[in-house]
Amino acid sequence: MDQLFNRKYIIQGLFVLLALILIGKLFYIQVATDKYFVNANSNALRKSYVFPARGVILDRNNKILAQNQPTYDLLVTPKLVKPFDTVSLSNLIGIDMPTFREKLRRATVRSRFQSSIFQKLLSVQTYAALQEKLSNFPGFEVQKRTIRYYPDSVAAQFLGFMREVNQLDIDKYEGYYKPGDYIGKTGIEKSYEEYLRGTKGVRHILYNAKNVAQGSYDNGRLDSLSIAGDNIMSTIDSRIQKLGEELLANKVGS
């Protein structure tokens, strides 16, 4: 009887173990399939980053000292570039052909498979023109982000400034930044960088054979939302600061 009882529990245990293995396999297949789909369809599925709004810097009276304004960048993925009218694109973005070829060469050296900034700070007019003809330029896409704007230009040394990241910045922040991103380099912009910058979002966009976006893959299941940066209130009074700077400038100029 004891042997039969033990055998019964051994068999039940084996069935439970087998069930757990099957569940684990199914989960792995589901996850692996998604990852395989993303990798195997890289020609049609592209990952793009959604830049968060950088936190606003305020004076003690809630007056804005540093804010954001929208801009656009032209990105390129060298692997996806096919023969097209390069003269037309270079004319649209206002560069000559030697510059165009050099930019494409640098992007290819950086990575054939990852997108990178080809031309930054496009005007609204250029952006609009590109949107109409983007399907003619395989491998290229437009990315929206914001740049820093200082309305009154006061307390410049106190506020600091933004600058494009270098490799040291990329390594220091463990890959959060990509070439072409901006980071606070001095002043409050630097000291509170991790609070001001927010968190990037990610979108996986499907494109058809004509390089036209078809929307998010799987209804956005793999996407993540961007999170805006924190606003910072300083102790400075911008009115007094501006008056002091004007008095100092007049004294130096006299």
Protein backbone atom coordinates (compact mmCIF):
# COMPACT_ATOMS: atom_id res chain seq x y z
CA MET A 1 0.00 0.00 0.00
CA ASP A 2 2.77 2.44 0.92
CA GLN A 3 4.49 1.76 -2.39
CA LEU A 4 1.25 2.34 -4.33
CA PHE A 5 0.62 5.55 -2.34
CA ASN A 6 4.14 6.84 -3.05
CA ARG A 7 3.88 5.90 -6.72
CA LYS A 8 0.61 7.81 -7.00
CA TYR A 9 2.20 11.01 -5.67
CA ILE A 10 5.25 10.54 -7.86
CA ILE A 11 3.04 10.29 -10.96
CA GLN A 12 1.02 13.34 -9.88
CA GLY A 13 4.23 15.26 -9.30
CA LEU A 14 5.48 14.34 -12.77
CA PHE A 15 2.23 15.57 -14.33
CA VAL A 16 2.50 18.88 -12.44
CA LEU A 17 6.13 19.25 -13.54
CA LEU A 18 5.19 18.48 -17.14
CA ALA A 19 2.38 21.04 -17.02
CA LEU A 20 4.76 23.71 -15.68
CA ILE A 21 7.26 22.93 -18.43
CA LEU A 22 4.55 23.24 -21.09
CA ILE A 23 3.35 26.58 -19.65
CA GLY A 24 6.93 27.83 -19.62
CA LYS A 25 7.42 26.74 -23.22
CA LEU A 26 4.24 28.47 -24.35
CA PHE A 27 5.32 31.69 -22.62
CA TYR A 28 8.77 31.48 -24.19
CA ILE A 29 7.32 30.84 -27.64
CA GLN A 30 5.03 33.86 -27.29
CA VAL A 31 7.84 36.18 -26.18
CA ALA A 32 10.36 34.75 -28.62
CA THR A 33 7.87 35.03 -31.48
CA ASP A 34 7.34 38.73 -30.78
CA LYS A 35 11.08 39.34 -30.64
CA TYR A 36 11.62 37.30 -33.79
CA PHE A 37 8.89 39.23 -35.57
CA VAL A 38 10.46 42.54 -34.61
CA ASN A 39 13.92 41.44 -35.76
CA ALA A 40 12.88 39.53 -38.88
CA ASN A 41 10.67 42.35 -40.12
CA SER A 42 13.11 45.17 -39.45
CA ASN A 43 12.62 46.33 -43.05
CA ALA A 44 8.95 47.00 -42.29
CA LEU A 45 9.00 47.58 -38.55
CA ARG A 46 11.05 50.40 -37.08
CA LYS A 47 11.59 51.46 -33.51
CA SER A 48 11.40 55.19 -32.92
CA TYR A 49 11.82 57.18 -29.73
CA VAL A 50 9.23 59.63 -28.45
CA PHE A 51 11.04 62.51 -26.80
CA PRO A 52 9.47 63.79 -23.58
CA ALA A 53 8.89 67.46 -22.86
CA ARG A 54 11.86 68.70 -20.83
CA GLY A 55 10.91 70.20 -17.49
CA VAL A 56 10.38 73.96 -17.39
CA ILE A 57 12.61 76.14 -15.18
CA LEU A 58 10.73 78.85 -13.26
CA ASP A 59 11.75 81.81 -11.13
CA ARG A 60 10.43 82.30 -7.60
CA ASN A 61 7.32 84.05 -9.00
CA ASN A 62 6.47 81.24 -11.42
CA LYS A 63 7.75 83.16 -14.43
CA ILE A 64 9.25 80.91 -17.09
CA LEU A 65 13.02 81.14 -17.45
CA ALA A 66 13.55 78.09 -19.70
CA GLN A 67 10.97 76.32 -21.83
CA ASN A 68 10.70 74.21 -24.99
CA GLN A 69 9.86 74.79 -28.62
CA PRO A 70 9.22 72.07 -31.22
CA THR A 71 11.67 71.13 -33.94
CA TYR A 72 12.20 68.26 -36.36
CA ASP A 73 15.10 66.02 -37.32
CA LEU A 74 15.57 63.93 -40.46
CA LEU A 75 16.71 60.40 -39.56
CA VAL A 76 18.29 57.77 -41.79
CA THR A 77 18.61 54.00 -41.49
CA PRO A 78 21.39 53.12 -44.00
CA LYS A 79 20.30 49.49 -44.39
CA LEU A 80 16.90 50.64 -45.70
CA VAL A 81 18.24 53.21 -48.18
CA LYS A 82 17.56 52.30 -51.82
CA PRO A 83 18.33 54.21 -55.04
CA PHE A 84 16.30 57.43 -55.20
CA ASP A 85 16.54 61.05 -56.31
CA THR A 86 19.20 62.24 -53.87
CA VAL A 87 19.37 65.66 -55.51
CA SER A 88 15.71 66.23 -54.71
CA LEU A 89 16.22 65.38 -51.03
CA SER A 90 19.41 67.43 -50.69
CA ASN A 91 17.62 70.43 -52.21
CA LEU A 92 14.71 70.00 -49.81
CA ILE A 93 16.93 70.10 -46.73
CA GLY A 94 19.29 72.73 -48.12
CA ILE A 95 22.62 70.89 -48.45
CA ASP A 96 24.89 70.16 -51.42
CA MET A 97 25.64 66.67 -52.75
CA PRO A 98 29.16 66.31 -51.26
CA THR A 99 27.69 67.09 -47.83
CA PHE A 100 24.83 64.66 -48.48
CA ARG A 101 27.21 61.83 -49.36
CA GLU A 102 29.42 62.53 -46.36
CA LYS A 103 26.47 62.51 -43.97
CA LEU A 104 25.28 59.19 -45.38
CA ARG A 105 28.79 57.75 -45.11
CA ARG A 106 29.03 58.75 -41.44
CA ALA A 107 25.62 57.29 -40.68
CA THR A 108 26.65 54.01 -42.33
CA VAL A 109 29.89 53.86 -40.34
CA ARG A 110 27.94 54.50 -37.13
CA SER A 111 25.43 51.72 -37.82
CA ARG A 112 23.81 50.29 -40.93
CA PHE A 113 20.82 48.99 -39.00
CA GLN A 114 20.10 51.73 -36.43
CA SER A 115 18.59 55.08 -37.36
CA SER A 116 20.58 58.24 -36.62
CA ILE A 117 20.15 61.96 -37.23
CA PHE A 118 20.95 62.92 -40.81
CA GLN A 119 19.90 66.59 -40.62
CA LYS A 120 18.71 68.28 -37.44
CA LEU A 121 16.67 71.36 -36.60
CA LEU A 122 14.50 71.36 -39.71
CA SER A 123 12.18 74.32 -40.16
CA VAL A 124 8.41 73.84 -40.12
CA GLN A 125 8.35 74.58 -43.85
CA THR A 126 11.00 71.94 -44.59
CA TYR A 127 9.19 69.46 -42.38
CA ALA A 128 5.93 70.02 -44.26
CA ALA A 129 7.64 69.59 -47.64
CA LEU A 130 9.32 66.39 -46.47
CA GLN A 131 6.09 64.90 -45.20
CA GLU A 132 4.60 65.21 -48.68
CA LYS A 133 7.53 63.47 -50.39
CA LEU A 134 8.94 61.17 -47.69
CA SER A 135 7.71 58.04 -49.47
CA ASN A 136 10.15 58.91 -52.28
CA PHE A 137 13.13 58.66 -49.92
CA PRO A 138 13.42 55.05 -48.63
CA GLY A 139 15.35 54.74 -45.37
CA PHE A 140 14.56 58.29 -44.23
CA GLU A 141 12.03 59.42 -41.63
CA VAL A 142 11.24 62.56 -39.64
CA GLN A 143 11.42 62.74 -35.85
CA LYS A 144 9.77 65.41 -33.71
CA ARG A 145 11.43 66.70 -30.54
CA THR A 146 11.91 69.93 -28.64
CA ILE A 147 14.81 72.31 -28.15
CA ARG A 148 15.48 74.68 -25.27
CA TYR A 149 14.30 78.27 -25.40
CA TYR A 150 15.12 81.03 -22.88
CA PRO A 151 12.45 83.78 -23.28
CA ASP A 152 14.13 86.66 -21.42
CA SER A 153 17.77 85.61 -21.75
CA VAL A 154 18.41 86.41 -18.09
CA ALA A 155 20.68 84.60 -15.64
CA ALA A 156 22.39 82.73 -18.47
CA GLN A 157 25.25 81.47 -16.27
CA PHE A 158 22.80 80.40 -13.58
CA LEU A 159 20.49 78.53 -15.96
CA GLY A 160 23.27 77.02 -18.07
CA PHE A 161 22.82 75.62 -21.56
CA MET A 162 22.21 72.45 -23.56
CA ARG A 163 24.65 70.75 -25.91
CA GLU A 164 24.69 67.65 -28.08
CA VAL A 165 25.91 64.56 -26.24
CA ASN A 166 29.34 63.08 -26.82
CA GLN A 167 30.48 59.49 -26.29
CA LEU A 168 31.40 60.19 -22.65
CA ASP A 169 27.83 61.30 -21.95
CA ILE A 170 26.43 58.22 -23.70
CA ASP A 171 28.66 55.90 -21.66
CA LYS A 172 28.04 57.72 -18.37
CA TYR A 173 24.26 57.41 -18.61
CA GLU A 174 24.37 53.77 -19.75
CA GLY A 175 22.90 54.19 -23.19
CA TYR A 176 19.94 56.44 -22.36
CA TYR A 177 21.27 59.02 -24.80
CA LYS A 178 21.82 58.43 -28.51
CA PRO A 179 23.99 60.43 -30.93
CA GLY A 180 22.14 63.65 -31.72
CA ASP A 181 20.46 63.90 -28.30
CA TYR A 182 20.99 66.97 -26.12
CA ILE A 183 22.02 67.19 -22.47
CA GLY A 184 22.43 69.95 -19.88
CA LYS A 185 26.10 70.98 -19.84
CA THR A 186 26.25 73.78 -17.26
CA GLY A 187 24.18 75.47 -14.55
CA ILE A 188 20.74 74.22 -13.51
CA GLU A 189 20.38 72.42 -16.84
CA LYS A 190 23.31 70.19 -15.86
CA SER A 191 22.74 69.92 -12.10
CA TYR A 192 19.13 68.78 -12.50
CA GLU A 193 19.53 66.92 -15.79
CA GLU A 194 18.07 63.63 -14.56
CA TYR A 195 14.98 65.42 -13.22
CA LEU A 196 14.48 67.76 -16.18
CA ARG A 197 14.99 65.29 -19.03
CA GLY A 198 12.04 62.96 -18.34
CA THR A 199 11.84 59.46 -19.82
CA LYS A 200 11.75 58.61 -23.52
CA GLY A 201 8.88 56.64 -24.97
CA VAL A 202 9.21 53.98 -27.65
CA ARG A 203 7.04 53.26 -30.68
CA HIS A 204 7.27 50.33 -33.08
CA ILE A 205 5.93 51.63 -36.39
CA LEU A 206 4.95 49.50 -39.38
CA TYR A 207 5.87 50.85 -42.82
CA ASN A 208 4.69 49.62 -46.18
CA ALA A 209 6.83 49.09 -49.28
CA LYS A 210 6.41 52.76 -50.19
CA ASN A 211 7.94 53.91 -46.89
CA VAL A 212 4.59 55.17 -45.60
CA ALA A 213 3.83 54.65 -41.90
CA GLN A 214 0.89 52.30 -41.29
CA GLY A 215 0.60 52.75 -37.52
CA SER A 216 1.87 50.94 -34.43
CA TYR A 217 2.59 47.21 -34.51
CA ASP A 218 0.06 45.05 -32.62
CA ASN A 219 -1.97 48.09 -31.54
CA GLY A 220 1.00 49.48 -29.62
CA ARG A 221 1.41 46.50 -27.28
CA LEU A 222 5.20 46.83 -27.41
CA ASP A 223 5.17 50.64 -27.15
CA SER A 224 5.78 52.75 -24.07
CA LEU A 225 4.71 56.32 -23.33
CA SER A 226 7.15 59.15 -22.77
CA ILE A 227 7.14 60.80 -19.34
CA ALA A 228 7.63 64.56 -19.16
CA GLY A 229 10.48 65.95 -17.07
CA ASP A 230 9.94 67.65 -13.73
CA ASN A 231 9.56 71.42 -13.53
CA ILE A 232 12.14 73.21 -11.39
CA MET A 233 11.37 76.34 -9.37
CA SER A 234 14.47 78.41 -8.63
CA THR A 235 15.03 81.05 -5.96
CA ILE A 236 15.92 83.71 -8.52
CA ASP A 237 13.67 86.73 -9.15
CA SER A 238 13.91 87.33 -12.90
CA ARG A 239 12.82 90.99 -12.65
CA ILE A 240 15.55 91.87 -10.17
CA GLN A 241 18.06 89.77 -12.10
CA LYS A 242 17.23 91.50 -15.37
CA LEU A 243 17.45 94.95 -13.77
CA GLY A 244 20.83 94.09 -12.26
CA GLU A 245 22.17 92.84 -15.60
CA GLU A 246 20.97 96.00 -17.37
CA LEU A 247 22.57 98.27 -14.75
CA LEU A 248 25.81 96.33 -14.98
CA ALA A 249 25.78 96.49 -18.79
CA ASN A 250 25.22 100.27 -18.70
CA LYS A 251 28.05 100.69 -16.22
CA VAL A 252 30.46 98.66 -18.33
CA GLY A 253 29.40 100.52 -21.49
CA SER A 254 29.79 104.01 -19.97
